Each structure stands twice: as C-alpha cells, then as structure tokens.
N, C-alpha and C. Protein backbone atom coordinates (compact mmCIF):
# COMPACT_ATOMS: atom_id res chain seq x y z
N MET A 1 -1.93 -13.35 -22.13
CA MET A 1 -2.83 -12.39 -22.60
C MET A 1 -2.05 -10.81 -22.71
N ASN A 2 -2.45 -10.41 -23.98
CA ASN A 2 -1.38 -9.12 -24.05
C ASN A 2 -2.11 -8.06 -23.24
N ILE A 3 -1.21 -7.15 -22.51
CA ILE A 3 -1.44 -6.18 -21.69
C ILE A 3 -2.34 -5.00 -22.55
N ASP A 4 -2.38 -4.98 -23.64
CA ASP A 4 -3.36 -3.70 -24.49
C ASP A 4 -4.63 -4.34 -24.32
N LYS A 5 -5.05 -5.46 -23.81
CA LYS A 5 -6.65 -5.85 -23.70
C LYS A 5 -6.89 -5.25 -22.55
N VAL A 6 -6.16 -4.70 -21.61
CA VAL A 6 -6.59 -4.47 -20.08
C VAL A 6 -6.67 -3.19 -20.12
N THR A 7 -8.10 -2.55 -19.93
CA THR A 7 -8.07 -1.34 -19.82
C THR A 7 -8.39 -0.55 -18.59
N THR A 8 -7.89 -1.10 -17.44
CA THR A 8 -8.04 -0.30 -16.19
C THR A 8 -6.87 -0.24 -15.31
N MET A 9 -5.85 -0.69 -15.94
CA MET A 9 -4.28 -0.51 -15.39
C MET A 9 -3.50 0.47 -15.81
N THR A 10 -2.63 0.96 -15.08
CA THR A 10 -1.62 2.30 -15.27
C THR A 10 -0.40 1.84 -15.41
N ARG A 11 0.40 1.91 -16.42
CA ARG A 11 1.69 1.73 -16.45
C ARG A 11 2.66 2.27 -15.82
N ILE A 12 3.19 1.62 -15.04
CA ILE A 12 4.34 2.17 -13.58
C ILE A 12 5.19 2.28 -14.13
N GLY A 13 5.92 1.52 -15.25
CA GLY A 13 7.11 1.80 -15.54
C GLY A 13 7.78 0.27 -16.12
N HIS A 14 9.43 0.25 -16.42
CA HIS A 14 9.80 -1.07 -16.76
C HIS A 14 11.19 -1.16 -15.97
N PHE A 15 11.49 -2.20 -15.83
CA PHE A 15 12.64 -2.78 -15.24
C PHE A 15 13.80 -2.84 -15.95
N GLU A 16 15.00 -2.58 -15.41
CA GLU A 16 16.52 -2.38 -15.95
C GLU A 16 17.37 -2.98 -15.18
N LYS A 17 18.37 -3.46 -15.83
CA LYS A 17 19.85 -3.75 -14.74
C LYS A 17 20.58 -2.58 -14.26
N LYS A 18 20.46 -2.69 -12.45
CA LYS A 18 21.04 -1.46 -12.23
C LYS A 18 22.66 -1.22 -12.39
N ASN A 19 23.78 -2.18 -12.65
CA ASN A 19 24.78 -2.34 -12.91
C ASN A 19 25.76 -1.23 -11.95
N ILE A 20 25.37 -1.08 -10.83
CA ILE A 20 26.01 -0.57 -9.64
C ILE A 20 26.49 -1.48 -9.13
N ILE A 21 27.85 -1.30 -8.42
CA ILE A 21 28.50 -2.38 -7.72
C ILE A 21 28.39 -1.87 -6.32
N SER A 22 27.87 -3.01 -5.52
CA SER A 22 27.45 -2.82 -3.97
C SER A 22 27.78 -4.00 -3.22
N LYS A 23 27.63 -3.71 -2.07
CA LYS A 23 27.94 -5.09 -1.30
C LYS A 23 27.33 -6.30 -1.29
N ILE A 24 25.69 -5.94 -1.60
CA ILE A 24 25.24 -6.92 -2.10
C ILE A 24 25.22 -7.72 -3.47
N ASP A 25 25.73 -6.83 -4.56
CA ASP A 25 25.96 -7.07 -5.75
C ASP A 25 27.29 -6.87 -6.33
N PRO A 26 28.43 -7.43 -5.48
CA PRO A 26 29.73 -6.84 -5.78
C PRO A 26 30.02 -6.84 -7.44
N GLU A 27 29.49 -7.94 -8.24
CA GLU A 27 29.58 -7.58 -9.50
C GLU A 27 28.94 -6.67 -10.35
N GLY A 28 27.71 -6.08 -9.78
CA GLY A 28 27.15 -5.36 -10.42
C GLY A 28 26.00 -5.63 -11.24
N THR A 29 25.80 -6.99 -11.36
CA THR A 29 24.80 -7.86 -12.74
C THR A 29 23.54 -8.13 -12.11
N LYS A 30 23.57 -8.16 -10.77
CA LYS A 30 22.12 -8.90 -10.51
C LYS A 30 21.14 -7.73 -10.04
N SER A 31 21.37 -6.96 -9.52
CA SER A 31 20.34 -5.75 -8.92
C SER A 31 19.50 -5.13 -10.43
N LEU A 32 18.22 -5.02 -10.17
CA LEU A 32 17.53 -4.15 -10.88
C LEU A 32 16.92 -2.87 -10.55
N LYS A 33 16.49 -2.41 -11.29
CA LYS A 33 15.76 -0.87 -10.85
C LYS A 33 14.31 -0.52 -11.57
N LEU A 34 13.87 0.10 -11.17
CA LEU A 34 12.35 0.26 -11.85
C LEU A 34 12.71 1.77 -12.37
N VAL A 35 12.52 2.05 -13.69
CA VAL A 35 12.18 3.25 -14.41
C VAL A 35 10.96 3.90 -14.63
N PRO A 36 10.66 4.48 -13.51
CA PRO A 36 9.05 5.02 -13.70
C PRO A 36 8.87 5.57 -14.90
N ASP A 37 7.58 4.94 -15.24
CA ASP A 37 6.87 6.04 -16.45
C ASP A 37 7.03 7.42 -16.31
N LEU A 38 7.15 8.43 -17.47
CA LEU A 38 7.19 9.83 -17.30
C LEU A 38 5.71 10.45 -16.52
N ASN A 39 4.55 9.59 -16.71
CA ASN A 39 3.43 10.14 -16.32
C ASN A 39 2.87 9.52 -14.55
N ILE A 40 3.94 8.95 -14.25
CA ILE A 40 3.80 8.57 -12.75
C ILE A 40 4.42 9.34 -11.74
N THR A 41 3.39 9.88 -10.77
CA THR A 41 4.02 10.78 -9.48
C THR A 41 4.57 9.81 -8.64
N LYS A 42 5.33 10.81 -7.90
CA LYS A 42 6.07 10.02 -6.67
C LYS A 42 4.95 9.52 -5.63
N GLU A 43 3.67 10.48 -5.33
CA GLU A 43 2.42 10.29 -4.49
C GLU A 43 2.10 8.74 -5.11
N GLN A 44 1.97 8.70 -6.52
CA GLN A 44 1.51 7.35 -7.00
C GLN A 44 2.38 6.27 -6.61
N LEU A 45 3.90 6.39 -6.21
CA LEU A 45 4.41 5.22 -6.08
C LEU A 45 4.34 4.59 -4.61
N LYS A 46 4.10 6.08 -3.83
CA LYS A 46 3.83 5.59 -2.61
C LYS A 46 2.29 5.63 -1.99
N ASP A 47 1.47 5.38 -3.00
CA ASP A 47 0.24 5.45 -2.41
C ASP A 47 -0.06 4.02 -1.78
N VAL A 48 -0.71 3.99 -0.73
CA VAL A 48 -0.47 3.12 0.27
C VAL A 48 -1.61 2.28 0.11
N ARG A 49 -2.92 2.86 -0.61
CA ARG A 49 -4.06 1.72 -0.80
C ARG A 49 -3.16 0.41 -1.42
N GLY A 50 -4.16 -0.70 -1.04
CA GLY A 50 -3.93 -2.00 -1.79
C GLY A 50 -3.95 -1.88 -3.46
N ARG A 51 -3.13 -2.41 -3.98
CA ARG A 51 -3.07 -2.39 -5.57
C ARG A 51 -3.11 -3.71 -6.39
N VAL A 52 -3.53 -4.10 -7.04
CA VAL A 52 -3.27 -5.01 -7.98
C VAL A 52 -2.23 -4.56 -9.20
N TYR A 53 -1.30 -5.50 -9.35
CA TYR A 53 -0.04 -5.39 -10.34
C TYR A 53 0.01 -6.89 -11.43
N THR A 54 0.56 -6.09 -12.58
CA THR A 54 0.99 -7.13 -13.33
C THR A 54 2.24 -7.25 -13.91
N ILE A 55 2.92 -8.20 -14.03
CA ILE A 55 4.22 -8.03 -14.44
C ILE A 55 4.12 -8.33 -15.92
N VAL A 56 4.82 -7.72 -17.01
CA VAL A 56 4.78 -8.02 -18.76
C VAL A 56 5.97 -7.88 -19.26
N VAL A 57 5.98 -8.95 -19.84
CA VAL A 57 7.23 -9.08 -20.63
C VAL A 57 6.70 -9.00 -21.99
N ASP A 58 7.40 -8.27 -22.82
CA ASP A 58 7.25 -7.96 -24.47
C ASP A 58 5.74 -7.97 -24.63
N GLY A 59 5.00 -7.15 -23.65
CA GLY A 59 3.93 -7.16 -23.96
C GLY A 59 2.66 -8.28 -23.30
N GLU A 60 3.04 -9.22 -22.99
CA GLU A 60 2.28 -10.62 -22.30
C GLU A 60 2.63 -10.48 -20.88
N ILE A 61 1.30 -10.55 -19.99
CA ILE A 61 1.33 -10.64 -18.70
C ILE A 61 1.69 -12.18 -18.27
N LYS A 62 2.48 -11.66 -17.39
CA LYS A 62 3.40 -13.03 -17.00
C LYS A 62 2.85 -13.29 -15.30
N LYS A 63 2.76 -11.91 -14.69
CA LYS A 63 2.16 -12.45 -13.31
C LYS A 63 1.23 -11.55 -13.11
N ILE A 64 -0.07 -11.76 -12.13
CA ILE A 64 -1.13 -10.94 -11.55
C ILE A 64 -0.74 -11.11 -10.27
N GLY A 65 -0.40 -10.22 -9.51
CA GLY A 65 -0.23 -10.05 -7.95
C GLY A 65 -0.99 -8.86 -7.42
N GLY A 66 -0.96 -9.10 -6.14
CA GLY A 66 -1.66 -7.92 -5.20
C GLY A 66 -0.74 -7.73 -4.18
N SER A 67 -0.67 -6.67 -3.50
CA SER A 67 -0.29 -6.11 -2.37
C SER A 67 -0.52 -4.92 -1.43
N GLN A 68 -0.27 -4.85 -0.42
CA GLN A 68 -0.82 -3.81 0.44
C GLN A 68 0.75 -3.70 1.38
N ASP A 69 1.71 -3.47 0.67
CA ASP A 69 2.88 -2.77 1.36
C ASP A 69 3.00 -1.61 1.79
N LYS A 70 3.22 -1.01 2.70
CA LYS A 70 3.34 0.25 3.22
C LYS A 70 4.16 1.18 2.46
N GLY A 71 4.81 0.68 1.64
CA GLY A 71 6.04 1.39 0.61
C GLY A 71 4.93 1.66 -0.33
N GLY A 72 4.08 1.18 -0.53
CA GLY A 72 3.63 1.65 -2.14
C GLY A 72 3.70 0.62 -2.97
N ILE A 73 3.41 1.04 -4.32
CA ILE A 73 3.61 -0.07 -5.36
C ILE A 73 5.41 -0.11 -5.46
N GLN A 74 5.53 1.01 -5.06
CA GLN A 74 7.46 0.95 -4.93
C GLN A 74 8.00 -0.05 -3.97
N GLY A 75 7.41 -0.27 -2.76
CA GLY A 75 7.70 -0.83 -1.82
C GLY A 75 7.13 -2.51 -2.29
N THR A 76 6.26 -2.55 -2.80
CA THR A 76 6.15 -4.04 -3.69
C THR A 76 7.13 -4.61 -4.41
N ILE A 77 7.35 -3.40 -5.46
CA ILE A 77 8.46 -3.65 -6.44
C ILE A 77 9.78 -4.21 -5.84
N GLY A 78 9.94 -3.37 -4.93
CA GLY A 78 11.33 -3.71 -4.23
C GLY A 78 11.47 -4.79 -3.63
N TRP A 79 10.49 -5.71 -3.26
CA TRP A 79 11.24 -6.79 -3.26
C TRP A 79 11.90 -7.79 -4.23
N TYR A 80 11.44 -7.52 -5.43
CA TYR A 80 11.87 -8.06 -6.71
C TYR A 80 12.95 -7.30 -7.17
N LEU A 81 13.50 -6.16 -6.78
CA LEU A 81 14.43 -5.93 -7.25
C LEU A 81 16.12 -6.34 -6.89
N ASN A 82 16.13 -6.81 -5.65
CA ASN A 82 17.38 -7.55 -5.15
C ASN A 82 16.54 -8.93 -4.44
N GLY A 83 15.99 -9.85 -5.32
CA GLY A 83 15.54 -10.64 -4.92
C GLY A 83 16.38 -12.18 -4.75
N PHE A 84 17.79 -11.72 -5.28
CA PHE A 84 18.80 -12.97 -5.11
C PHE A 84 19.19 -12.72 -3.71
N ASN A 85 19.04 -11.72 -2.78
CA ASN A 85 19.54 -11.68 -1.22
C ASN A 85 18.97 -12.97 -0.74
N LYS A 86 19.90 -13.57 0.38
CA LYS A 86 19.66 -14.41 1.45
C LYS A 86 18.86 -14.00 2.36
N GLY A 87 17.54 -14.77 2.36
CA GLY A 87 16.32 -14.53 3.27
C GLY A 87 15.09 -14.79 2.54
N ASN A 88 15.46 -14.29 1.39
CA ASN A 88 13.90 -13.76 0.46
C ASN A 88 13.36 -15.28 0.25
N SER A 89 11.40 -15.12 0.06
CA SER A 89 11.25 -16.31 -0.22
C SER A 89 11.75 -17.06 -1.55
N GLU A 90 11.01 -17.94 -1.62
CA GLU A 90 11.22 -19.01 -3.18
C GLU A 90 10.50 -17.77 -4.16
N ARG A 91 9.41 -17.47 -3.90
CA ARG A 91 8.76 -16.67 -4.98
C ARG A 91 9.37 -15.44 -5.17
N THR A 92 10.02 -14.99 -4.26
CA THR A 92 10.38 -13.60 -4.32
C THR A 92 11.92 -13.65 -5.18
N TYR A 93 12.68 -14.94 -5.03
CA TYR A 93 14.02 -14.85 -5.50
C TYR A 93 13.49 -15.39 -7.01
N CYS A 94 12.14 -16.46 -7.26
CA CYS A 94 12.21 -16.91 -8.70
C CYS A 94 11.67 -15.55 -9.57
N THR A 95 10.79 -14.82 -8.94
CA THR A 95 10.48 -13.57 -9.71
C THR A 95 11.59 -12.90 -10.13
N TRP A 96 12.38 -12.43 -8.79
CA TRP A 96 13.47 -11.63 -9.38
C TRP A 96 14.38 -12.63 -10.60
N ASN A 97 14.75 -13.69 -10.61
CA ASN A 97 15.57 -14.49 -11.17
C ASN A 97 14.61 -14.39 -13.04
N PHE A 98 13.24 -14.65 -13.11
CA PHE A 98 12.79 -14.47 -14.13
C PHE A 98 12.57 -12.99 -14.85
N LEU A 99 12.69 -12.17 -13.69
CA LEU A 99 12.90 -10.52 -14.38
C LEU A 99 14.44 -10.61 -15.28
N HIS A 100 15.19 -11.02 -13.91
CA HIS A 100 16.57 -10.82 -14.57
C HIS A 100 16.79 -11.50 -15.85
N ARG A 101 16.48 -12.81 -15.97
CA ARG A 101 16.62 -13.58 -17.37
C ARG A 101 15.93 -12.76 -18.52
N ALA A 102 14.76 -12.05 -18.33
CA ALA A 102 14.08 -11.34 -19.21
C ALA A 102 14.94 -10.54 -19.86
N ILE A 103 15.10 -9.65 -18.83
CA ILE A 103 16.03 -8.20 -19.13
C ILE A 103 17.35 -8.84 -19.65
N THR A 104 18.30 -9.48 -19.31
CA THR A 104 19.40 -10.19 -20.25
C THR A 104 19.35 -10.76 -21.33
N ALA A 105 18.11 -11.35 -21.83
CA ALA A 105 17.94 -11.53 -23.19
C ALA A 105 17.13 -10.63 -23.81
N GLY A 106 17.25 -9.32 -23.40
CA GLY A 106 16.77 -7.96 -24.13
C GLY A 106 15.28 -7.96 -24.31
N LYS A 107 14.51 -8.76 -23.52
CA LYS A 107 13.13 -8.30 -23.41
C LYS A 107 12.83 -7.15 -22.56
N LYS A 108 11.75 -6.31 -22.80
CA LYS A 108 10.90 -5.42 -22.34
C LYS A 108 10.13 -6.16 -21.19
N VAL A 109 10.75 -5.28 -19.87
CA VAL A 109 10.12 -5.64 -18.94
C VAL A 109 9.12 -4.70 -18.12
N GLU A 110 7.86 -4.74 -17.93
CA GLU A 110 7.19 -3.77 -17.17
C GLU A 110 6.33 -3.96 -16.40
N ILE A 111 5.86 -3.29 -15.40
CA ILE A 111 4.74 -3.16 -14.50
C ILE A 111 3.74 -2.17 -14.80
N TYR A 112 2.38 -2.90 -14.25
CA TYR A 112 1.12 -2.03 -14.66
C TYR A 112 0.36 -2.27 -13.03
N ALA A 113 -0.36 -1.36 -12.63
CA ALA A 113 -0.84 -1.50 -11.66
C ALA A 113 -2.43 -0.94 -11.46
N LEU A 114 -3.31 -1.23 -10.68
CA LEU A 114 -4.34 -0.63 -10.28
C LEU A 114 -4.66 -0.34 -8.88
N TRP A 115 -4.74 0.78 -8.46
CA TRP A 115 -5.05 0.65 -7.13
C TRP A 115 -6.37 0.87 -6.31
N SER A 116 -6.67 0.17 -5.38
CA SER A 116 -8.30 0.12 -4.68
C SER A 116 -9.26 1.21 -4.74
N PRO A 117 -9.78 1.43 -5.27
CA PRO A 117 -11.02 2.47 -5.34
C PRO A 117 -11.28 2.90 -3.58
N MET A 118 -11.80 3.89 -3.37
CA MET A 118 -12.12 4.38 -2.13
C MET A 118 -13.81 4.20 -2.27
N VAL A 119 -14.17 4.03 -1.29
CA VAL A 119 -15.56 3.96 -1.24
C VAL A 119 -16.18 4.53 0.30
N SER A 120 -17.18 5.17 0.44
CA SER A 120 -17.66 5.74 1.82
C SER A 120 -18.68 4.38 2.49
N ILE A 121 -18.31 4.48 3.74
CA ILE A 121 -18.94 3.46 4.61
C ILE A 121 -19.40 3.92 5.96
N LYS A 122 -20.66 3.45 6.37
CA LYS A 122 -20.88 3.82 7.69
C LYS A 122 -20.38 2.62 8.73
N ILE A 123 -19.55 3.32 9.74
CA ILE A 123 -18.96 2.90 10.51
C ILE A 123 -19.44 2.84 11.90
N PRO A 124 -19.87 1.68 13.06
CA PRO A 124 -20.37 2.13 13.78
C PRO A 124 -19.48 2.34 14.95
N THR A 125 -19.60 3.37 15.67
CA THR A 125 -19.26 3.51 17.15
C THR A 125 -19.85 2.92 18.01
N MET A 126 -19.19 3.15 19.73
CA MET A 126 -19.90 2.80 20.73
C MET A 126 -21.28 3.29 20.75
N THR A 127 -21.55 4.16 20.04
CA THR A 127 -22.74 5.30 20.81
C THR A 127 -23.50 5.68 19.30
N SER A 128 -22.79 5.62 18.37
CA SER A 128 -23.49 6.07 17.21
C SER A 128 -22.61 5.53 15.55
N SER A 129 -22.30 6.25 14.79
CA SER A 129 -21.38 5.76 13.69
C SER A 129 -20.67 7.10 13.07
N ILE A 130 -19.79 6.63 12.10
CA ILE A 130 -18.98 7.90 11.50
C ILE A 130 -19.14 7.27 9.99
N ILE A 131 -19.07 8.18 9.15
CA ILE A 131 -18.85 8.06 7.88
C ILE A 131 -17.00 7.99 7.50
N LYS A 132 -16.72 7.08 7.03
CA LYS A 132 -15.27 6.82 6.65
C LYS A 132 -15.01 6.28 5.22
N GLU A 133 -13.88 6.75 4.62
CA GLU A 133 -13.42 6.68 3.38
C GLU A 133 -12.55 5.63 3.44
N ILE A 134 -12.79 4.31 2.95
CA ILE A 134 -11.95 3.52 3.23
C ILE A 134 -11.47 2.46 1.77
N PRO A 135 -10.47 2.25 1.47
CA PRO A 135 -10.07 1.45 -0.01
C PRO A 135 -10.75 -0.31 0.33
N VAL A 136 -11.45 -0.36 -1.03
CA VAL A 136 -12.00 -1.73 -1.30
C VAL A 136 -10.45 -2.49 -0.99
N ASP A 137 -10.69 -3.71 -0.39
CA ASP A 137 -9.90 -4.87 -0.42
C ASP A 137 -9.45 -5.17 -1.46
N TYR A 138 -7.93 -5.10 -1.47
CA TYR A 138 -7.40 -5.42 -3.10
C TYR A 138 -7.74 -7.11 -3.44
N HIS A 139 -7.88 -7.91 -2.55
CA HIS A 139 -7.98 -9.32 -2.84
C HIS A 139 -8.88 -9.82 -3.63
N SER A 140 -10.14 -9.00 -3.24
CA SER A 140 -11.14 -9.25 -4.36
C SER A 140 -11.02 -9.02 -5.70
N ILE A 141 -10.34 -7.50 -6.15
CA ILE A 141 -9.95 -7.04 -7.44
C ILE A 141 -8.81 -8.18 -7.86
N GLU A 142 -7.90 -8.40 -7.21
CA GLU A 142 -7.03 -9.29 -7.86
C GLU A 142 -7.64 -11.01 -8.09
N SER A 143 -8.31 -11.20 -7.24
CA SER A 143 -9.18 -12.42 -7.74
C SER A 143 -9.85 -12.41 -8.74
N ALA A 144 -10.63 -11.34 -8.87
CA ALA A 144 -11.39 -10.86 -10.44
C ALA A 144 -10.46 -10.87 -11.28
N PHE A 145 -9.34 -10.21 -11.21
CA PHE A 145 -8.40 -10.05 -12.55
C PHE A 145 -8.13 -11.73 -12.83
N ALA A 146 -7.56 -12.43 -11.73
CA ALA A 146 -7.08 -14.01 -12.01
C ALA A 146 -8.42 -14.88 -12.60
N LYS A 147 -9.48 -14.43 -12.00
CA LYS A 147 -10.63 -15.22 -12.85
C LYS A 147 -11.02 -14.72 -14.22
N GLU A 148 -10.82 -13.82 -14.45
CA GLU A 148 -11.09 -13.29 -15.79
C GLU A 148 -10.00 -13.55 -16.64
N TYR A 149 -8.60 -13.75 -16.23
CA TYR A 149 -7.58 -14.05 -16.94
C TYR A 149 -7.74 -15.65 -17.53
N TYR A 150 -8.14 -16.24 -16.42
CA TYR A 150 -8.38 -17.75 -16.73
C TYR A 150 -9.05 -17.93 -17.90
N ASP A 151 -10.57 -17.27 -17.65
CA ASP A 151 -11.63 -17.50 -18.74
C ASP A 151 -11.41 -16.87 -19.85
N ILE A 152 -10.41 -16.17 -19.86
CA ILE A 152 -9.86 -15.73 -21.42
C ILE A 152 -8.87 -16.59 -22.06
N GLU A 153 -8.14 -16.90 -21.34
CA GLU A 153 -7.09 -17.89 -21.44
C GLU A 153 -6.89 -19.17 -21.16
N GLN A 154 -7.72 -19.80 -20.61
CA GLN A 154 -7.70 -20.95 -20.20
C GLN A 154 -6.77 -21.58 -19.76
N SER A 155 -6.05 -20.74 -18.76
CA SER A 155 -4.44 -20.93 -18.30
C SER A 155 -4.12 -19.71 -16.98
N HIS A 156 -3.40 -19.82 -16.42
CA HIS A 156 -2.55 -19.10 -15.60
C HIS A 156 -1.64 -18.18 -16.19
N PRO A 157 -1.27 -17.23 -15.63
CA PRO A 157 -0.14 -16.43 -16.06
C PRO A 157 1.04 -17.34 -15.45
N GLU A 158 1.92 -17.22 -16.38
CA GLU A 158 3.14 -18.03 -16.07
C GLU A 158 3.87 -17.80 -14.34
N LEU A 159 4.00 -16.85 -13.89
CA LEU A 159 4.66 -16.98 -12.36
C LEU A 159 3.34 -16.85 -11.34
N ASN A 160 1.99 -17.30 -11.81
CA ASN A 160 1.07 -17.32 -10.63
C ASN A 160 0.83 -19.05 -10.30
N MET A 161 2.01 -19.06 -9.49
CA MET A 161 1.80 -20.37 -8.92
C MET A 161 0.97 -20.70 -8.18
N GLN A 162 0.44 -20.26 -7.32
CA GLN A 162 -0.59 -20.48 -6.23
C GLN A 162 -1.87 -20.90 -6.98
N GLU A 163 -2.42 -20.36 -8.10
CA GLU A 163 -3.38 -20.23 -8.68
C GLU A 163 -3.33 -21.55 -9.45
N SER A 164 -2.34 -21.91 -10.06
CA SER A 164 -2.07 -23.02 -10.91
C SER A 164 -1.75 -24.28 -10.42
N GLY A 165 -1.76 -23.97 -9.35
CA GLY A 165 -1.58 -25.21 -8.56
C GLY A 165 0.40 -25.87 -8.27
N SER A 166 0.98 -25.31 -9.26
CA SER A 166 2.36 -24.94 -9.37
C SER A 166 3.44 -25.19 -8.38
N LYS A 167 4.37 -25.56 -8.53
CA LYS A 167 5.67 -25.31 -7.64
C LYS A 167 6.68 -24.55 -8.00
N TRP A 168 7.38 -23.74 -7.54
CA TRP A 168 8.61 -22.84 -7.69
C TRP A 168 9.59 -23.71 -8.49
N PHE A 169 9.75 -25.02 -7.89
CA PHE A 169 10.62 -25.96 -8.34
C PHE A 169 10.62 -26.37 -9.78
N ASP A 170 9.50 -26.36 -10.40
CA ASP A 170 9.28 -26.68 -11.39
C ASP A 170 9.49 -25.59 -12.72
N THR A 171 9.80 -24.38 -12.01
CA THR A 171 9.96 -23.37 -13.29
C THR A 171 11.47 -23.45 -13.81
N GLY A 172 12.18 -24.09 -13.06
CA GLY A 172 13.64 -23.78 -13.08
C GLY A 172 14.35 -22.41 -12.39
N LEU A 173 13.52 -21.55 -11.68
CA LEU A 173 14.11 -20.57 -11.51
C LEU A 173 14.73 -20.47 -10.37
N LEU A 174 14.87 -21.61 -9.63
CA LEU A 174 15.48 -21.70 -8.28
C LEU A 174 16.79 -21.76 -7.80
N ASP A 175 17.35 -22.03 -9.41
CA ASP A 175 19.04 -22.15 -9.30
C ASP A 175 19.51 -21.15 -8.68
N GLY A 176 20.45 -21.30 -8.22
CA GLY A 176 21.19 -20.24 -7.20
C GLY A 176 20.59 -19.83 -5.96
N TYR A 177 19.34 -20.44 -5.78
CA TYR A 177 18.68 -19.41 -4.55
C TYR A 177 19.21 -20.34 -3.27
N ILE A 178 19.31 -19.41 -2.42
CA ILE A 178 20.12 -19.55 -0.72
C ILE A 178 19.16 -19.69 -0.01
N ASN A 179 19.54 -21.37 0.42
CA ASN A 179 18.41 -21.81 1.36
C ASN A 179 18.50 -21.29 2.59
N LYS A 180 17.78 -21.65 3.53
CA LYS A 180 17.67 -21.17 4.71
C LYS A 180 19.08 -21.65 5.45
N ASP A 181 19.61 -22.76 5.00
CA ASP A 181 20.73 -23.38 5.86
C ASP A 181 22.00 -22.41 5.26
N GLY A 182 21.91 -21.44 4.22
CA GLY A 182 22.98 -20.96 3.63
C GLY A 182 23.42 -22.11 2.48
N THR A 183 23.03 -22.89 2.19
CA THR A 183 23.67 -23.90 1.36
C THR A 183 22.96 -23.39 0.19
N ILE A 184 23.67 -23.65 -1.35
CA ILE A 184 22.85 -22.84 -2.48
C ILE A 184 22.16 -23.86 -3.08
N TYR A 185 20.92 -23.26 -3.65
CA TYR A 185 19.97 -24.64 -4.10
C TYR A 185 20.55 -24.95 -5.36
N ASP A 186 20.36 -26.16 -5.93
CA ASP A 186 20.97 -26.67 -7.10
C ASP A 186 19.77 -27.66 -7.56
N ASN A 187 19.09 -26.99 -8.83
CA ASN A 187 17.90 -27.94 -9.41
C ASN A 187 17.83 -29.38 -9.79
N TYR A 188 19.22 -30.04 -9.84
CA TYR A 188 19.35 -30.99 -10.08
C TYR A 188 19.41 -31.95 -8.81
N ILE A 189 19.34 -31.26 -7.42
CA ILE A 189 19.38 -32.13 -6.11
C ILE A 189 17.75 -31.75 -5.71
N LYS A 190 17.21 -32.90 -5.43
CA LYS A 190 15.80 -33.13 -4.93
C LYS A 190 15.85 -33.38 -3.37
C-alpha cells in the first residue's frame, strides 16, 4: 500500500547513512540517522504518548509498528539506527538490515507516525473521582491499522512478521546477526 493512501499520519522524516566512524561502527558504514522533516518539532519527536508508525520505502509501507518508548518517536527509531549492535533482538537487527540495504540501494526510506489521541476519563479515587486526560492505548490503533492494511492488500506489510506468522529467518535479513553466544549468524546454518 502506498503511503499516499494514508490520511491520518504525519511524516517524521527520512533515514540516511550516518557515515561517521565510531567505536561501534569503525568503518562508518553501518550506522543510520534520522533526518527530521522540516515541519517536525523537537517536542513531537519526544512526545511520550503511545504512537503507531510506518516505515515506508519508495512510497510503499513496509512495516506498521507501535511503541510507547519513553523517548518518544525518536526513542522508537533509535533502536533501528544501530541495530547491528550485539544484544539487539532479531526484530531490531533485521529491521536495521532492511533499512540499511534499502538506503544502500538508493531507495528513499521514510517514517510516518500517528500519536495516540488524548481522552478525558473519570477515574475513581478512594472517596470520589477525578477527571484526567490520558492517551488512548496505542495497541488498539496499531491493530486497526494492521487490519485495514490487510483488508485492502490481502497481505501484511513485509516486516510485520508476527501478524503474518513468518519468521525473521525466512527474510534473509539475519545474515551478520550476532547471536547471544557471540557467534555470527550464518543464514546457511540452521
């Protein structure tokens, strides 16, 4: 599905290679960075409400995700920027590898988000109640996004493994992944 069909999300920015040599990336070829859209504020990047996001490559939605990272959408994205680090999950590594490969191939890789709306709710206390503003749980929004995508496309986005019942091994994106025992994953070894 093309992101142009989505009317409720805000473009956060795009990904690029960082190309800065560091301890974790001595060749300066693996780290990624987010280049925020000119209309995105620092407050939006750090907004702690739950959020649903899409990773988009050349206009096509490749992942629908949700997060409540305390660092906002910037914190959510941060996990994917250096996903090649030892100790990251297969999901984080494979998503980073997917982004890295797409950028290396000259594709435009973007991220969009929708923050959970705030609602007023009456919360009981021990002796009465208070009215409080709280965000809607992002899981409900993420599920609605995933269902609508499936209803339209009759498939799940490429990186939505859990919803599609697929395994990261099947993607070919695990090559180079550092296993918990320190060995490097080889896609040919099962």
